[in-house]
């Protein structure tokens, strides 16, 4: 029973670690830089979404911004 608990705890830790990473990657870029770029693109996407004339999708705008910066999708979680 303790082996099962340890395995479940380990799986939970890996899952939380994956969700803490930005969902985009680019070779030669550190995790901190990728997260900063992702937050910047997400902020611009949110701004476009809440602009009455544009009303764009936050996720689509974020993906387009990250693609324009040379990133590719690395994780595909439903929460992203």
PDB file of N, CA and C in Angstrom:
ATOM      1  N   UNK A   1       0.816  -1.198   0.000  1.00  0.00           N
ATOM      2  CA  UNK A   1       0.000   0.000   0.000  1.00  0.00           C
ATOM      3  C   UNK A   1       0.863   1.268   0.000  1.00  0.00           C
ATOM      4  N   UNK A   2       1.993   1.232   0.697  1.00  0.00           N
ATOM      5  CA  UNK A   2       2.848   2.422   0.723  1.00  0.00           C
ATOM      6  C   UNK A   2       3.493   2.666  -0.641  1.00  0.00           C
ATOM      7  N   UNK A   3       3.734   1.612  -1.408  1.00  0.00           N
ATOM      8  CA  UNK A   3       4.302   1.778  -2.742  1.00  0.00           C
ATOM      9  C   UNK A   3       3.307   2.488  -3.654  1.00  0.00           C
ATOM     10  N   UNK A   4       2.048   2.127  -3.523  1.00  0.00           N
ATOM     11  CA  UNK A   4       1.005   2.775  -4.324  1.00  0.00           C
ATOM     12  C   UNK A   4       0.890   4.251  -3.956  1.00  0.00           C
ATOM     13  N   UNK A   5       0.936   4.553  -2.688  1.00  0.00           N
ATOM     14  CA  UNK A   5       0.876   5.956  -2.243  1.00  0.00           C
ATOM     15  C   UNK A   5       2.078   6.747  -2.768  1.00  0.00           C
ATOM     16  N   UNK A   6       3.254   6.145  -2.701  1.00  0.00           N
ATOM     17  CA  UNK A   6       4.452   6.823  -3.177  1.00  0.00           C
ATOM     18  C   UNK A   6       4.365   7.070  -4.682  1.00  0.00           C
ATOM     19  N   UNK A   7       3.851   6.095  -5.423  1.00  0.00           N
ATOM     20  CA  UNK A   7       3.712   6.250  -6.868  1.00  0.00           C
ATOM     21  C   UNK A   7       2.701   7.352  -7.207  1.00  0.00           C
ATOM     22  N   UNK A   8       1.602   7.397  -6.486  1.00  0.00           N
ATOM     23  CA  UNK A   8       0.602   8.442  -6.713  1.00  0.00           C
ATOM     24  C   UNK A   8       1.149   9.818  -6.369  1.00  0.00           C
ATOM     25  N   UNK A   9       1.897   9.923  -5.294  1.00  0.00           N
ATOM     26  CA  UNK A   9       2.499  11.200  -4.909  1.00  0.00           C
ATOM     27  C   UNK A   9       3.505  11.659  -5.955  1.00  0.00           C
ATOM     28  N   UNK A  10       4.295  10.730  -6.453  1.00  0.00           N
ATOM     29  CA  UNK A  10       5.275  11.067  -7.482  1.00  0.00           C
ATOM     30  C   UNK A  10       4.588  11.522  -8.767  1.00  0.00           C
ATOM     31  N   UNK A  11       3.523  10.849  -9.154  1.00  0.00           N
ATOM     32  CA  UNK A  11       2.772  11.242 -10.350  1.00  0.00           C
ATOM     33  C   UNK A  11       2.160  12.622 -10.176  1.00  0.00           C
ATOM     34  N   UNK A  12       1.666  12.926  -8.991  1.00  0.00           N
ATOM     35  CA  UNK A  12       1.087  14.242  -8.711  1.00  0.00           C
ATOM     36  C   UNK A  12       2.141  15.333  -8.804  1.00  0.00           C
ATOM     37  N   UNK A  13       3.312  15.075  -8.278  1.00  0.00           N
ATOM     38  CA  UNK A  13       4.396  16.061  -8.329  1.00  0.00           C
ATOM     39  C   UNK A  13       4.795  16.341  -9.778  1.00  0.00           C
ATOM     40  N   UNK A  14       4.909  15.289 -10.603  1.00  0.00           N
ATOM     41  CA  UNK A  14       5.248  15.493 -12.013  1.00  0.00           C
ATOM     42  C   UNK A  14       4.143  16.244 -12.748  1.00  0.00           C
ATOM     43  N   UNK A  15       2.881  15.955 -12.435  1.00  0.00           N
ATOM     44  CA  UNK A  15       1.772  16.654 -13.085  1.00  0.00           C
ATOM     45  C   UNK A  15       1.761  18.134 -12.718  1.00  0.00           C
ATOM     46  N   UNK A  16       2.018  18.439 -11.465  1.00  0.00           N
ATOM     47  CA  UNK A  16       2.068  19.843 -11.041  1.00  0.00           C
ATOM     48  C   UNK A  16       3.251  20.560 -11.678  1.00  0.00           C
ATOM     49  N   UNK A  17       4.354  19.874 -11.820  1.00  0.00           N
ATOM     50  CA  UNK A  17       5.515  20.468 -12.473  1.00  0.00           C
ATOM     51  C   UNK A  17       5.250  20.773 -13.937  1.00  0.00           C
ATOM     52  N   UNK A  18       4.509  19.906 -14.597  1.00  0.00           N
ATOM     53  CA  UNK A  18       4.177  20.140 -16.009  1.00  0.00           C
ATOM     54  C   UNK A  18       3.245  21.326 -16.164  1.00  0.00           C
ATOM     55  N   UNK A  19       2.316  21.493 -15.246  1.00  0.00           N
ATOM     56  CA  UNK A  19       1.388  22.624 -15.333  1.00  0.00           C
ATOM     57  C   UNK A  19       2.054  23.939 -14.956  1.00  0.00           C
ATOM     58  N   UNK A  20       3.184  23.888 -14.270  1.00  0.00           N
ATOM     59  CA  UNK A  20       3.882  25.105 -13.873  1.00  0.00           C
ATOM     60  C   UNK A  20       4.788  25.624 -14.990  1.00  0.00           C
ATOM     61  N   UNK A  21       4.967  24.832 -16.027  1.00  0.00           N
ATOM     62  CA  UNK A  21       5.816  25.236 -17.143  1.00  0.00           C
ATOM     63  C   UNK A  21       4.983  25.927 -18.212  1.00  0.00           C
ATOM     64  N   UNK A  22       5.594  26.843 -18.950  1.00  0.00           N
ATOM     65  CA  UNK A  22       4.840  27.459 -20.050  1.00  0.00           C
ATOM     66  C   UNK A  22       4.547  26.417 -21.116  1.00  0.00           C
ATOM     67  N   UNK A  23       3.420  26.505 -21.784  1.00  0.00           N
ATOM     68  CA  UNK A  23       3.045  25.495 -22.773  1.00  0.00           C
ATOM     69  C   UNK A  23       3.734  25.663 -24.125  1.00  0.00           C
ATOM     70  N   UNK A  24       4.781  26.454 -24.184  1.00  0.00           N
ATOM     71  CA  UNK A  24       5.507  26.694 -25.435  1.00  0.00           C
ATOM     72  C   UNK A  24       6.990  26.517 -25.193  1.00  0.00           C
ATOM     73  N   UNK A  25       7.705  26.112 -26.216  1.00  0.00           N
ATOM     74  CA  UNK A  25       9.150  25.955 -26.086  1.00  0.00           C
ATOM     75  C   UNK A  25       9.847  26.498 -27.331  1.00  0.00           C
ATOM     76  N   UNK A  26      11.105  26.823 -27.133  1.00  0.00           N
ATOM     77  CA  UNK A  26      11.942  27.335 -28.222  1.00  0.00           C
ATOM     78  C   UNK A  26      13.375  26.961 -27.858  1.00  0.00           C
ATOM     79  N   UNK A  27      14.100  26.405 -28.788  1.00  0.00           N
ATOM     80  CA  UNK A  27      15.461  25.978 -28.472  1.00  0.00           C
ATOM     81  C   UNK A  27      16.334  27.179 -28.134  1.00  0.00           C
ATOM     82  N   UNK A  28      17.147  27.009 -27.113  1.00  0.00           N
ATOM     83  CA  UNK A  28      18.057  28.061 -26.699  1.00  0.00           C
ATOM     84  C   UNK A  28      17.452  29.108 -25.780  1.00  0.00           C
ATOM     85  N   UNK A  29      16.218  28.885 -25.330  1.00  0.00           N
ATOM     86  CA  UNK A  29      15.543  29.847 -24.461  1.00  0.00           C
ATOM     87  C   UNK A  29      15.307  29.188 -23.109  1.00  0.00           C
ATOM     88  N   UNK A  30      15.652  29.906 -22.054  1.00  0.00           N
ATOM     89  CA  UNK A  30      15.450  29.354 -20.706  1.00  0.00           C
ATOM     90  C   UNK A  30      13.966  29.348 -20.344  1.00  0.00           C
ATOM     91  N   UNK A  31      13.643  28.593 -19.332  1.00  0.00           N
ATOM     92  CA  UNK A  31      12.251  28.477 -18.881  1.00  0.00           C
ATOM     93  C   UNK A  31      11.714  29.829 -18.403  1.00  0.00           C
ATOM     94  N   UNK A  32      12.552  30.600 -17.730  1.00  0.00           N
ATOM     95  CA  UNK A  32      12.121  31.904 -17.226  1.00  0.00           C
ATOM     96  C   UNK A  32      11.795  32.874 -18.361  1.00  0.00           C
ATOM     97  N   UNK A  33      12.613  32.865 -19.397  1.00  0.00           N
ATOM     98  CA  UNK A  33      12.369  33.739 -20.547  1.00  0.00           C
ATOM     99  C   UNK A  33      11.099  33.304 -21.270  1.00  0.00           C
ATOM    100  N   UNK A  34      10.925  31.994 -21.429  1.00  0.00           N
ATOM    101  CA  UNK A  34       9.717  31.485 -22.097  1.00  0.00           C
ATOM    102  C   UNK A  34       8.468  31.851 -21.294  1.00  0.00           C
ATOM    103  N   UNK A  35       8.547  31.760 -19.976  1.00  0.00           N
ATOM    104  CA  UNK A  35       7.396  32.113 -19.140  1.00  0.00           C
ATOM    105  C   UNK A  35       7.112  33.612 -19.232  1.00  0.00           C
ATOM    106  N   UNK A  36       8.141  34.435 -19.273  1.00  0.00           N
ATOM    107  CA  UNK A  36       7.938  35.884 -19.404  1.00  0.00           C
ATOM    108  C   UNK A  36       7.301  36.224 -20.751  1.00  0.00           C
ATOM    109  N   UNK A  37       7.774  35.573 -21.824  1.00  0.00           N
ATOM    110  CA  UNK A  37       7.166  35.803 -23.138  1.00  0.00           C
ATOM    111  C   UNK A  37       5.719  35.341 -23.162  1.00  0.00           C
ATOM    112  N   UNK A  38       5.452  34.192 -22.535  1.00  0.00           N
ATOM    113  CA  UNK A  38       4.077  33.676 -22.494  1.00  0.00           C
ATOM    114  C   UNK A  38       3.156  34.633 -21.734  1.00  0.00           C
ATOM    115  N   UNK A  39       3.632  35.137 -20.602  1.00  0.00           N
ATOM    116  CA  UNK A  39       2.817  36.078 -19.826  1.00  0.00           C
ATOM    117  C   UNK A  39       2.579  37.360 -20.604  1.00  0.00           C
ATOM    118  N   UNK A  40       3.586  37.826 -21.339  1.00  0.00           N
ATOM    119  CA  UNK A  40       3.434  39.025 -22.155  1.00  0.00           C
ATOM    120  C   UNK A  40       2.400  38.798 -23.260  1.00  0.00           C
ATOM    121  N   UNK A  41       2.503  37.662 -23.945  1.00  0.00           N
ATOM    122  CA  UNK A  41       1.550  37.356 -25.018  1.00  0.00           C
ATOM    123  C   UNK A  41       0.143  37.151 -24.458  1.00  0.00           C
ATOM    124  N   UNK A  42       0.041  36.503 -23.308  1.00  0.00           N
ATOM    125  CA  UNK A  42      -1.274  36.291 -22.703  1.00  0.00           C
ATOM    126  C   UNK A  42      -1.900  37.623 -22.310  1.00  0.00           C
ATOM    127  N   UNK A  43      -1.086  38.541 -21.789  1.00  0.00           N
ATOM    128  CA  UNK A  43      -1.594  39.865 -21.415  1.00  0.00           C
ATOM    129  C   UNK A  43      -2.101  40.626 -22.632  1.00  0.00           C
ATOM    130  N   UNK A  44      -1.352  40.538 -23.737  1.00  0.00           N
ATOM    131  CA  UNK A  44      -1.804  41.202 -24.963  1.00  0.00           C
ATOM    132  C   UNK A  44      -3.085  40.558 -25.486  1.00  0.00           C
ATOM    133  N   UNK A  45      -3.183  39.222 -25.378  1.00  0.00           N
ATOM    134  CA  UNK A  45      -4.397  38.529 -25.801  1.00  0.00           C
ATOM    135  C   UNK A  45      -5.596  38.922 -24.957  1.00  0.00           C
ATOM    136  N   UNK A  46      -5.385  39.082 -23.645  1.00  0.00           N
ATOM    137  CA  UNK A  46      -6.473  39.505 -22.762  1.00  0.00           C
ATOM    138  C   UNK A  46      -6.889  40.932 -23.083  1.00  0.00           C
ATOM    139  N   UNK A  47      -5.922  41.782 -23.393  1.00  0.00           N
ATOM    140  CA  UNK A  47      -6.233  43.157 -23.755  1.00  0.00           C
ATOM    141  C   UNK A  47      -7.062  43.206 -25.038  1.00  0.00           C
ATOM    142  N   UNK A  48      -6.684  42.383 -26.030  1.00  0.00           N
ATOM    143  CA  UNK A  48      -7.461  42.333 -27.270  1.00  0.00           C
ATOM    144  C   UNK A  48      -8.864  41.786 -27.022  1.00  0.00           C
ATOM    145  N   UNK A  49      -8.967  40.819 -26.120  1.00  0.00           N
ATOM    146  CA  UNK A  49     -10.272  40.218 -25.830  1.00  0.00           C
ATOM    147  C   UNK A  49     -11.231  41.244 -25.221  1.00  0.00           C
ATOM    148  N   UNK A  50     -10.715  42.058 -24.328  1.00  0.00           N
ATOM    149  CA  UNK A  50     -11.572  43.010 -23.633  1.00  0.00           C
ATOM    150  C   UNK A  50     -11.669  44.366 -24.332  1.00  0.00           C
ATOM    151  N   UNK A  51     -11.078  44.490 -25.526  1.00  0.00           N
ATOM    152  CA  UNK A  51     -11.263  45.681 -26.339  1.00  0.00           C
ATOM    153  C   UNK A  51     -12.558  45.488 -27.126  1.00  0.00           C
ATOM    154  N   UNK A  52     -13.540  46.365 -26.931  1.00  0.00           N
ATOM    155  CA  UNK A  52     -14.863  46.139 -27.537  1.00  0.00           C
ATOM    156  C   UNK A  52     -14.850  45.967 -29.054  1.00  0.00           C
ATOM    157  N   UNK A  53     -14.009  46.698 -29.769  1.00  0.00           N
ATOM    158  CA  UNK A  53     -14.020  46.604 -31.224  1.00  0.00           C
ATOM    159  C   UNK A  53     -13.416  45.292 -31.722  1.00  0.00           C
ATOM    160  N   UNK A  54     -12.441  44.758 -30.996  1.00  0.00           N
ATOM    161  CA  UNK A  54     -11.728  43.567 -31.453  1.00  0.00           C
ATOM    162  C   UNK A  54     -12.391  42.294 -30.922  1.00  0.00           C
ATOM    163  N   UNK A  55     -12.520  42.186 -29.629  1.00  0.00           N
ATOM    164  CA  UNK A  55     -13.161  41.057 -28.943  1.00  0.00           C
ATOM    165  C   UNK A  55     -12.610  39.706 -29.400  1.00  0.00           C
ATOM    166  N   UNK A  56     -11.274  39.582 -29.499  1.00  0.00           N
ATOM    167  CA  UNK A  56     -10.616  38.360 -29.965  1.00  0.00           C
ATOM    168  C   UNK A  56     -10.564  37.312 -28.864  1.00  0.00           C
ATOM    169  N   UNK A  57     -10.317  36.077 -29.241  1.00  0.00           N
ATOM    170  CA  UNK A  57     -10.147  34.990 -28.284  1.00  0.00           C
ATOM    171  C   UNK A  57      -8.771  35.116 -27.631  1.00  0.00           C
ATOM    172  N   UNK A  58      -8.715  35.002 -26.316  1.00  0.00           N
ATOM    173  CA  UNK A  58      -7.442  35.131 -25.598  1.00  0.00           C
ATOM    174  C   UNK A  58      -6.477  34.032 -26.032  1.00  0.00           C
ATOM    175  N   UNK A  59      -6.950  32.793 -26.097  1.00  0.00           N
ATOM    176  CA  UNK A  59      -6.073  31.675 -26.451  1.00  0.00           C
ATOM    177  C   UNK A  59      -5.556  31.779 -27.881  1.00  0.00           C
ATOM    178  N   UNK A  60      -6.411  32.167 -28.818  1.00  0.00           N
ATOM    179  CA  UNK A  60      -5.969  32.299 -30.206  1.00  0.00           C
ATOM    180  C   UNK A  60      -4.954  33.427 -30.348  1.00  0.00           C
ATOM    181  N   UNK A  61      -5.191  34.539 -29.666  1.00  0.00           N
ATOM    182  CA  UNK A  61      -4.248  35.660 -29.726  1.00  0.00           C
ATOM    183  C   UNK A  61      -2.912  35.287 -29.096  1.00  0.00           C
ATOM    184  N   UNK A  62      -2.958  34.551 -27.987  1.00  0.00           N
ATOM    185  CA  UNK A  62      -1.734  34.124 -27.318  1.00  0.00           C
ATOM    186  C   UNK A  62      -0.943  33.173 -28.205  1.00  0.00           C
ATOM    187  N   UNK A  63      -1.622  32.210 -28.824  1.00  0.00           N
ATOM    188  CA  UNK A  63      -0.941  31.272 -29.718  1.00  0.00           C
ATOM    189  C   UNK A  63      -0.299  31.999 -30.901  1.00  0.00           C
ATOM    190  N   UNK A  64      -1.014  32.949 -31.476  1.00  0.00           N
ATOM    191  CA  UNK A  64      -0.474  33.698 -32.613  1.00  0.00           C
ATOM    192  C   UNK A  64       0.749  34.516 -32.199  1.00  0.00           C
ATOM    193  N   UNK A  65       0.701  35.122 -31.041  1.00  0.00           N
ATOM    194  CA  UNK A  65       1.823  35.923 -30.538  1.00  0.00           C
ATOM    195  C   UNK A  65       3.045  35.041 -30.287  1.00  0.00           C
ATOM    196  N   UNK A  66       2.839  33.893 -29.642  1.00  0.00           N
ATOM    197  CA  UNK A  66       3.961  33.004 -29.348  1.00  0.00           C
ATOM    198  C   UNK A  66       4.544  32.424 -30.636  1.00  0.00           C
ATOM    199  N   UNK A  67       3.702  32.122 -31.608  1.00  0.00           N
ATOM    200  CA  UNK A  67       4.178  31.614 -32.891  1.00  0.00           C
ATOM    201  C   UNK A  67       4.991  32.689 -33.607  1.00  0.00           C
ATOM    202  N   UNK A  68       4.542  33.941 -33.514  1.00  0.00           N
ATOM    203  CA  UNK A  68       5.272  35.045 -34.142  1.00  0.00           C
ATOM    204  C   UNK A  68       6.640  35.251 -33.492  1.00  0.00           C
ATOM    205  N   UNK A  69       6.768  34.878 -32.227  1.00  0.00           N
ATOM    206  CA  UNK A  69       8.051  35.001 -31.525  1.00  0.00           C
ATOM    207  C   UNK A  69       8.935  33.772 -31.730  1.00  0.00           C
ATOM    208  N   UNK A  70       8.462  32.797 -32.483  1.00  0.00           N
ATOM    209  CA  UNK A  70       9.282  31.632 -32.805  1.00  0.00           C
ATOM    210  C   UNK A  70       9.103  30.445 -31.892  1.00  0.00           C
ATOM    211  N   UNK A  71       8.096  30.439 -31.056  1.00  0.00           N
ATOM    212  CA  UNK A  71       7.850  29.328 -30.138  1.00  0.00           C
ATOM    213  C   UNK A  71       6.951  28.293 -30.802  1.00  0.00           C
ATOM    214  N   UNK A  72       7.063  27.065 -30.326  1.00  0.00           N
ATOM    215  CA  UNK A  72       6.153  26.009 -30.760  1.00  0.00           C
ATOM    216  C   UNK A  72       5.517  25.404 -29.518  1.00  0.00           C
ATOM    217  N   UNK A  73       4.339  24.841 -29.677  1.00  0.00           N
ATOM    218  CA  UNK A  73       3.632  24.255 -28.546  1.00  0.00           C
ATOM    219  C   UNK A  73       4.364  23.049 -27.997  1.00  0.00           C
ATOM    220  N   UNK A  74       4.530  22.989 -26.678  1.00  0.00           N
ATOM    221  CA  UNK A  74       5.244  21.869 -26.081  1.00  0.00           C
ATOM    222  C   UNK A  74       4.326  20.996 -25.246  1.00  0.00           C
ATOM    223  N   UNK A  75       3.306  21.564 -24.655  1.00  0.00           N
ATOM    224  CA  UNK A  75       2.348  20.804 -23.847  1.00  0.00           C
ATOM    225  C   UNK A  75       0.962  21.075 -24.366  1.00  0.00           C
ATOM    226  N   UNK A  76       0.117  20.089 -24.332  1.00  0.00           N
ATOM    227  CA  UNK A  76      -1.236  20.273 -24.798  1.00  0.00           C
ATOM    228  C   UNK A  76      -2.193  19.810 -23.713  1.00  0.00           C
ATOM    229  N   UNK A  77      -2.347  20.615 -22.684  1.00  0.00           N
ATOM    230  CA  UNK A  77      -3.283  20.329 -21.607  1.00  0.00           C
ATOM    231  C   UNK A  77      -4.588  21.051 -21.884  1.00  0.00           C
ATOM    232  N   UNK A  78      -5.718  20.477 -21.503  1.00  0.00           N
ATOM    233  CA  UNK A  78      -6.994  21.143 -21.740  1.00  0.00           C
ATOM    234  C   UNK A  78      -7.114  22.479 -21.018  1.00  0.00           C
ATOM    235  N   UNK A  79      -6.389  22.643 -19.907  1.00  0.00           N
ATOM    236  CA  UNK A  79      -6.495  23.897 -19.151  1.00  0.00           C
ATOM    237  C   UNK A  79      -5.832  25.052 -19.875  1.00  0.00           C
ATOM    238  N   UNK A  80      -4.940  24.819 -20.867  1.00  0.00           N
ATOM    239  CA  UNK A  80      -4.279  25.889 -21.592  1.00  0.00           C
ATOM    240  C   UNK A  80      -5.164  26.349 -22.681  1.00  0.00           C
TER     241      UNK A  80
END
